[in-house]
Amino acid sequence: MSPARPSVPAVLRVLGGRPLLLLLLLLSAPAVRGDCGLPPDVPNAQPVLEGLSPFPVQHTVRYKCNEGFVKVPGKPDSALCQENNQWSEVKEFCNRSCNDPPRLLFASLEKTYSNQNYFPVGSTVDYQCRLGYRRERDLSTTLTCLDNLEWSKPAEFCKKRACPNPGELQNGNVKIETDLLFGSFISLSCNTGYKLIGASSIYCVVQENGVGWSDRLPLCQEISCPEPPKIENGMIKEESSIYVYRQTVTYECNRGFTLVGQHSIYCDAENEEGVWSGPAPECRGRHVPPKPPPEVQESTTVPSAQKPTKVIVPGAAYLISGHTWVTLTVLLVLLITVG
């Protein structure tokens, strides 16, 4: 246990009842450890108090710059509550500065300044051309923080690179929308009767250390139709192994048949696909009734007595049956007998 402190009467008895001497001793005694009050003022900055007051020894208070001011790199921005209950000295560390350098479409800030946020009046920054751009040698790439805390106006010291001429598209068209510079594009299309094989648009883009087209020119392939339809009782004149756009096929009918419809159809295009211009004709013949099947005749055997006998009479020929011949013979015999 720590020893008990002597009471004031006991001290007075030791000092012989001299209160003035006691007061002097108390004033000259070492100060008891305490706290710091409010931190000191710093030009163009405010302390971050965090709701504390007073502040214990060894406590640190950080300052932040007022609006429109920026911390000067390398200068301290905090104060320490010391053992003597006094704050450590904080020198001015906030100053006016231009905002971050402007972002340019055609150039980027040099890496040296990428992490810098303090740009006092008179400070400068440099740029380098972006990919797809080339440097204009007679123009400066430097910007300066002016007295009004604005950056000097940048000149267009980087110009767009140009892609080579794409050339002609066989059986098609090349449409340059604006120009051939970096970022531009051209439209590609085929003539009627041809089908586009490839990209319909290509762009001027970054390639290695320069610029070039995003794709090669497409192909314009001639549109072809499927095999034309066959017809019954007819044929196609001069058949081909392939039928291309606007090619015609002509039909003819076999002998005895009449062609009904268009004699010819041609290969047309629809949505870049080959289709025939119309249906194929028909071959129609006259209506001929079918032949009846041949009849089978029954064979009849005629008795020899009834077989017709050929009798030759002067001046005529008669075909006399058997019974008639007998009768005539009898009559002839009677005539001879009577006569």
Protein backbone atom coordinates (compact mmCIF):
# COMPACT_ATOMS: atom_id res chain seq x y z
CA MET A 1 0.00 0.00 0.00
CA SER A 2 1.15 3.51 -0.74
CA PRO A 3 1.76 5.71 2.31
CA ALA A 4 -1.09 8.02 3.33
CA ARG A 5 -0.75 11.65 2.43
CA PRO A 6 -0.47 13.97 5.54
CA SER A 7 -3.50 16.15 6.22
CA VAL A 8 -3.33 19.93 5.92
CA PRO A 9 -3.46 20.47 9.77
CA ALA A 10 -0.56 18.04 10.17
CA VAL A 11 1.46 19.96 7.58
CA LEU A 12 0.64 23.23 9.34
CA ARG A 13 1.89 21.83 12.61
CA VAL A 14 5.13 20.77 10.93
CA LEU A 15 5.56 24.23 9.40
CA GLY A 16 4.82 25.93 12.67
CA GLY A 17 1.44 27.28 11.62
CA ARG A 18 2.77 29.37 8.72
CA PRO A 19 0.10 29.11 5.93
CA LEU A 20 1.92 31.47 3.56
CA LEU A 21 4.90 29.17 3.45
CA LEU A 22 2.57 26.24 2.69
CA LEU A 23 1.06 28.10 -0.27
CA LEU A 24 4.48 28.79 -1.72
CA LEU A 25 5.40 25.14 -1.42
CA LEU A 26 2.22 24.08 -3.21
CA LEU A 27 2.80 26.51 -6.11
CA SER A 28 6.36 25.35 -6.57
CA ALA A 29 5.46 21.61 -6.55
CA PRO A 30 5.74 19.65 -9.87
CA ALA A 31 2.55 19.72 -11.98
CA VAL A 32 0.31 16.69 -11.88
CA ARG A 33 0.00 14.87 -15.25
CA GLY A 34 -3.10 16.13 -17.07
CA ASP A 35 -4.65 16.60 -20.58
CA CYS A 36 -4.23 18.98 -23.55
CA GLY A 37 -6.86 21.47 -24.52
CA LEU A 38 -8.00 22.27 -28.04
CA PRO A 39 -5.33 21.82 -30.73
CA PRO A 40 -3.76 24.95 -32.21
CA ASP A 41 -5.05 26.70 -35.32
CA VAL A 42 -3.33 25.94 -38.62
CA PRO A 43 -3.82 28.22 -41.64
CA ASN A 44 -6.19 26.82 -44.31
CA ALA A 45 -6.84 23.65 -42.30
CA GLN A 46 -9.19 22.29 -39.65
CA PRO A 47 -8.47 19.63 -36.94
CA VAL A 48 -10.42 16.39 -36.96
CA LEU A 49 -11.56 16.35 -33.28
CA GLU A 50 -13.62 13.14 -33.34
CA GLY A 51 -15.70 14.46 -30.45
CA LEU A 52 -12.82 14.50 -27.94
CA SER A 53 -12.03 17.35 -25.53
CA PRO A 54 -9.76 17.56 -23.63
CA PHE A 55 -7.19 15.23 -25.20
CA PRO A 56 -4.98 12.79 -23.29
CA VAL A 57 -1.21 12.88 -23.46
CA GLN A 58 0.24 11.15 -26.54
CA HIS A 59 -3.00 11.63 -28.44
CA THR A 60 -2.57 12.78 -32.07
CA VAL A 61 -4.95 15.07 -33.88
CA ARG A 62 -4.90 15.12 -37.70
CA TYR A 63 -5.79 18.18 -39.79
CA LYS A 64 -7.53 18.36 -43.15
CA CYS A 65 -7.20 21.15 -45.67
CA ASN A 66 -10.05 23.56 -46.27
CA GLU A 67 -11.97 23.40 -49.54
CA GLY A 68 -9.88 24.78 -52.38
CA PHE A 69 -6.60 23.85 -50.70
CA VAL A 70 -4.43 20.79 -51.08
CA LYS A 71 -1.87 19.25 -48.74
CA VAL A 72 1.69 20.05 -49.68
CA PRO A 73 3.55 16.75 -50.11
CA GLY A 74 6.12 16.03 -47.37
CA LYS A 75 4.73 18.42 -44.75
CA PRO A 76 3.22 17.02 -41.48
CA ASP A 77 -0.53 17.42 -41.04
CA SER A 78 -0.98 16.38 -37.36
CA ALA A 79 -0.24 17.60 -33.78
CA LEU A 80 0.72 15.54 -30.68
CA CYS A 81 -0.44 16.16 -27.10
CA GLN A 82 2.92 16.15 -25.21
CA GLU A 83 3.88 15.31 -21.62
CA ASN A 84 3.83 18.99 -20.74
CA ASN A 85 0.19 19.19 -21.77
CA GLN A 86 1.16 21.24 -24.82
CA TRP A 87 0.56 20.48 -28.49
CA SER A 88 3.47 19.98 -30.84
CA GLU A 89 3.98 22.67 -33.45
CA VAL A 90 2.18 22.27 -36.83
CA LYS A 91 3.37 24.47 -39.66
CA GLU A 92 1.21 25.52 -42.58
CA PHE A 93 0.87 22.58 -44.93
CA CYS A 94 -2.16 23.47 -47.10
CA ASN A 95 -1.86 25.49 -50.27
CA ARG A 96 -3.92 26.28 -53.32
CA SER A 97 -3.56 23.93 -56.26
CA CYS A 98 -4.99 23.30 -59.69
CA ASN A 99 -7.26 20.31 -59.94
CA ASP A 100 -6.04 17.12 -61.53
CA PRO A 101 -4.76 17.72 -65.09
CA PRO A 102 -7.46 17.34 -67.78
CA ARG A 103 -8.02 14.02 -69.47
CA LEU A 104 -7.36 14.31 -73.20
CA LEU A 105 -8.91 12.10 -75.87
CA PHE A 106 -5.76 12.00 -77.98
CA ALA A 107 -3.08 11.89 -75.24
CA SER A 108 -2.45 10.48 -71.76
CA LEU A 109 -0.62 12.00 -68.79
CA GLU A 110 2.97 10.89 -68.33
CA LYS A 111 3.28 8.22 -65.61
CA THR A 112 5.44 10.58 -63.52
CA TYR A 113 2.31 12.52 -62.55
CA SER A 114 -0.10 9.60 -62.20
CA ASN A 115 -0.03 9.61 -58.35
CA GLN A 116 0.36 13.37 -57.85
CA ASN A 117 -2.54 15.50 -56.56
CA TYR A 118 -0.75 18.77 -55.68
CA PHE A 119 -0.24 21.18 -58.54
CA PRO A 120 0.59 24.73 -57.27
CA VAL A 121 0.57 27.75 -59.52
CA GLY A 122 3.35 27.50 -62.11
CA SER A 123 3.70 23.71 -62.03
CA THR A 124 3.65 21.84 -65.36
CA VAL A 125 2.70 18.38 -66.62
CA ASP A 126 3.53 16.52 -69.84
CA TYR A 127 1.49 14.21 -72.08
CA GLN A 128 2.21 11.46 -74.56
CA CYS A 129 0.12 10.50 -77.61
CA ARG A 130 -2.28 7.61 -77.25
CA LEU A 131 -2.15 4.59 -79.52
CA GLY A 132 -3.75 5.38 -82.84
CA TYR A 133 -2.36 8.94 -82.79
CA ARG A 134 0.87 10.52 -84.02
CA ARG A 135 2.80 13.46 -82.53
CA GLU A 136 2.71 16.92 -84.14
CA ARG A 137 6.32 17.99 -83.63
CA ASP A 138 5.71 21.75 -83.76
CA LEU A 139 3.15 21.72 -80.92
CA SER A 140 3.93 21.54 -77.18
CA THR A 141 2.76 18.58 -75.10
CA THR A 142 3.03 20.56 -71.80
CA LEU A 143 0.25 22.15 -69.71
CA THR A 144 0.77 24.76 -66.94
CA CYS A 145 -1.20 25.57 -63.76
CA LEU A 146 -2.08 29.26 -64.18
CA ASP A 147 -2.59 31.99 -61.54
CA ASN A 148 -6.34 31.45 -61.67
CA LEU A 149 -5.72 27.82 -60.71
CA GLU A 150 -6.81 26.66 -64.18
CA TRP A 151 -4.75 24.59 -66.58
CA SER A 152 -3.54 26.16 -69.79
CA LYS A 153 -5.57 25.16 -72.87
CA PRO A 154 -4.02 22.13 -74.61
CA ALA A 155 -3.20 22.28 -78.29
CA GLU A 156 -4.14 19.29 -80.44
CA PHE A 157 -0.57 18.05 -80.47
CA CYS A 158 -1.57 14.49 -81.44
CA LYS A 159 -3.36 13.71 -84.72
CA LYS A 160 -5.19 10.53 -85.75
CA ARG A 161 -3.28 8.06 -87.84
CA ALA A 162 -4.76 7.00 -91.20
CA CYS A 163 -5.52 3.46 -92.35
CA PRO A 164 -4.52 2.45 -95.90
CA ASN A 165 -7.06 2.60 -98.71
CA PRO A 166 -9.10 -0.63 -98.49
CA GLY A 167 -9.23 -1.09 -102.27
CA GLU A 168 -12.10 -2.20 -104.50
CA LEU A 169 -14.65 -4.91 -103.72
CA GLN A 170 -15.25 -7.11 -106.76
CA ASN A 171 -18.97 -7.31 -107.59
CA GLY A 172 -19.67 -5.02 -104.65
CA ASN A 173 -19.37 -1.51 -103.21
CA VAL A 174 -17.12 0.13 -100.58
CA LYS A 175 -18.77 3.10 -98.82
CA ILE A 176 -16.45 5.38 -96.82
CA GLU A 177 -18.69 6.85 -94.10
CA THR A 178 -16.41 9.71 -92.94
CA ASP A 179 -12.71 9.21 -93.64
CA LEU A 180 -9.95 6.61 -93.30
CA LEU A 181 -8.60 7.89 -89.97
CA PHE A 182 -8.31 5.96 -86.70
CA GLY A 183 -11.76 5.13 -85.29
CA SER A 184 -13.61 5.45 -88.60
CA PHE A 185 -15.39 2.63 -90.43
CA ILE A 186 -16.47 1.69 -93.93
CA SER A 187 -19.61 -0.17 -95.07
CA LEU A 188 -19.47 -3.02 -97.57
CA SER A 189 -22.24 -4.41 -99.78
CA CYS A 190 -22.61 -6.64 -102.83
CA ASN A 191 -24.29 -5.98 -106.16
CA THR A 192 -27.71 -7.50 -106.82
CA GLY A 193 -27.37 -11.20 -107.47
CA TYR A 194 -24.38 -11.60 -105.16
CA LYS A 195 -24.17 -12.73 -101.54
CA LEU A 196 -21.84 -11.11 -98.96
CA ILE A 197 -19.40 -13.56 -97.40
CA GLY A 198 -17.62 -11.81 -94.50
CA ALA A 199 -18.03 -8.59 -92.48
CA SER A 200 -20.42 -5.88 -93.69
CA SER A 201 -18.41 -3.19 -91.84
CA ILE A 202 -14.71 -2.89 -90.96
CA TYR A 203 -13.03 -0.39 -88.60
CA CYS A 204 -9.72 1.45 -88.51
CA VAL A 205 -8.16 0.13 -85.26
CA VAL A 206 -4.81 -0.04 -83.46
CA GLN A 207 -2.51 -2.74 -84.80
CA GLU A 208 0.97 -3.19 -83.28
CA ASN A 209 2.66 0.22 -83.55
CA GLY A 210 0.21 1.68 -86.04
CA VAL A 211 -3.35 1.30 -87.29
CA GLY A 212 -5.07 -1.04 -89.72
CA TRP A 213 -8.45 -2.44 -90.70
CA SER A 214 -10.23 -4.75 -88.26
CA ASP A 215 -10.89 -7.33 -90.99
CA ARG A 216 -10.11 -8.06 -94.61
CA LEU A 217 -12.54 -7.18 -97.38
CA PRO A 218 -15.36 -9.72 -97.73
CA LEU A 219 -16.25 -11.71 -100.85
CA CYS A 220 -19.27 -11.21 -103.09
CA GLN A 221 -20.38 -14.69 -104.12
CA GLU A 222 -22.77 -15.12 -107.03
CA ILE A 223 -26.17 -16.36 -105.88
CA SER A 224 -27.22 -19.76 -107.27
CA CYS A 225 -30.58 -21.51 -107.33
CA PRO A 226 -31.37 -25.12 -106.47
CA GLU A 227 -31.98 -27.61 -109.27
CA PRO A 228 -35.11 -26.57 -111.23
CA PRO A 229 -38.20 -28.77 -110.81
CA LYS A 230 -38.74 -31.67 -113.20
CA ILE A 231 -42.04 -32.09 -115.12
CA GLU A 232 -43.93 -35.16 -116.27
CA ASN A 233 -44.18 -35.81 -119.99
CA GLY A 234 -41.62 -33.10 -120.65
CA MET A 235 -38.04 -31.98 -120.17
CA ILE A 236 -35.68 -29.03 -119.66
CA LYS A 237 -33.83 -27.81 -122.70
CA GLU A 238 -30.06 -27.59 -122.26
CA GLU A 239 -29.79 -28.62 -118.60
CA SER A 240 -26.88 -27.26 -116.54
CA SER A 241 -25.00 -28.44 -113.46
CA ILE A 242 -25.49 -25.05 -111.74
CA TYR A 243 -27.98 -22.22 -112.15
CA VAL A 244 -26.92 -18.70 -111.16
CA TYR A 245 -28.79 -15.43 -110.75
CA ARG A 246 -30.86 -14.46 -113.83
CA GLN A 247 -30.09 -17.72 -115.61
CA THR A 248 -33.15 -19.08 -117.46
CA VAL A 249 -34.40 -22.64 -117.98
CA THR A 250 -36.85 -23.54 -120.76
CA TYR A 251 -39.25 -26.46 -120.76
CA GLU A 252 -40.69 -28.50 -123.66
CA CYS A 253 -43.24 -31.28 -123.73
CA ASN A 254 -43.01 -34.72 -125.25
CA ARG A 255 -44.76 -35.35 -128.57
CA GLY A 256 -48.51 -35.42 -128.23
CA PHE A 257 -48.55 -33.19 -125.13
CA THR A 258 -49.28 -29.49 -124.82
CA LEU A 259 -47.33 -27.14 -122.47
CA VAL A 260 -49.54 -25.23 -120.00
CA GLY A 261 -47.91 -22.34 -118.11
CA GLN A 262 -44.69 -20.36 -118.66
CA HIS A 263 -42.25 -21.95 -121.05
CA SER A 264 -39.34 -20.46 -119.09
CA ILE A 265 -38.50 -19.55 -115.46
CA TYR A 266 -35.38 -17.77 -114.23
CA CYS A 267 -33.17 -17.81 -111.12
CA ASP A 268 -34.09 -14.88 -108.85
CA ALA A 269 -32.76 -13.64 -105.46
CA GLU A 270 -34.65 -13.24 -102.19
CA ASN A 271 -32.88 -12.40 -98.90
CA GLU A 272 -29.57 -13.30 -100.57
CA GLU A 273 -30.89 -16.77 -101.43
CA GLY A 274 -31.61 -18.14 -104.89
CA VAL A 275 -35.27 -18.85 -105.73
CA TRP A 276 -37.04 -19.62 -109.01
CA SER A 277 -39.22 -16.88 -110.48
CA GLY A 278 -42.28 -19.10 -110.66
CA PRO A 279 -43.63 -22.66 -110.79
CA ALA A 280 -42.72 -25.03 -113.58
CA PRO A 281 -45.26 -25.55 -116.39
CA GLU A 282 -47.25 -28.74 -117.02
CA CYS A 283 -47.50 -31.00 -120.05
CA ARG A 284 -51.06 -32.11 -120.84
CA GLY A 285 -52.21 -34.51 -123.65
CA ARG A 286 -55.61 -35.12 -125.47
CA HIS A 287 -58.06 -37.58 -123.87
CA VAL A 288 -57.86 -40.84 -125.88
CA PRO A 289 -60.32 -43.58 -124.76
CA PRO A 290 -58.63 -46.83 -123.99
CA LYS A 291 -58.81 -49.61 -126.59
CA PRO A 292 -61.17 -52.50 -125.62
CA PRO A 293 -59.51 -55.83 -125.13
CA PRO A 294 -59.70 -58.15 -128.20
CA GLU A 295 -62.79 -60.50 -128.27
CA VAL A 296 -62.29 -64.24 -128.36
CA GLN A 297 -64.50 -65.85 -131.14
CA GLU A 298 -65.92 -69.33 -130.54
CA SER A 299 -64.94 -71.86 -133.20
CA THR A 300 -67.99 -73.73 -134.73
CA THR A 301 -67.58 -77.06 -136.57
CA VAL A 302 -69.86 -77.27 -139.63
CA PRO A 303 -70.92 -80.79 -140.74
CA SER A 304 -69.46 -81.80 -144.01
CA ALA A 305 -72.95 -82.29 -145.41
CA GLN A 306 -73.78 -78.70 -144.61
CA LYS A 307 -70.55 -77.27 -145.88
CA PRO A 308 -71.18 -74.81 -148.64
CA THR A 309 -70.50 -76.17 -152.09
CA LYS A 310 -69.26 -73.99 -154.82
CA VAL A 311 -71.29 -74.46 -158.03
CA ILE A 312 -70.08 -72.85 -161.19
CA VAL A 313 -72.85 -71.79 -163.58
CA PRO A 314 -72.02 -70.07 -166.84
CA GLY A 315 -72.08 -66.36 -166.28
CA ALA A 316 -72.37 -66.67 -162.49
CA ALA A 317 -71.07 -68.36 -159.45
CA TYR A 318 -73.35 -69.64 -156.74
CA LEU A 319 -72.74 -70.93 -153.33
CA ILE A 320 -75.34 -73.69 -152.72
CA SER A 321 -75.91 -75.49 -149.51
CA GLY A 322 -76.09 -79.31 -149.31
CA HIS A 323 -79.92 -79.51 -149.06
CA THR A 324 -80.43 -77.22 -152.04
CA TRP A 325 -78.09 -79.36 -154.17
CA VAL A 326 -80.06 -82.53 -153.45
CA THR A 327 -83.34 -80.85 -154.39
CA LEU A 328 -82.00 -79.55 -157.66
CA THR A 329 -80.63 -82.97 -158.55
CA VAL A 330 -84.06 -84.60 -158.00
CA LEU A 331 -85.79 -82.02 -160.18
CA LEU A 332 -83.27 -82.48 -162.95
CA VAL A 333 -83.82 -86.26 -162.96
CA LEU A 334 -87.60 -85.82 -163.22
CA LEU A 335 -87.29 -83.44 -166.11
CA ILE A 336 -85.12 -85.88 -168.01
CA THR A 337 -87.54 -88.78 -167.39
CA VAL A 338 -90.61 -86.87 -168.48
CA GLY A 339 -89.01 -85.43 -171.54
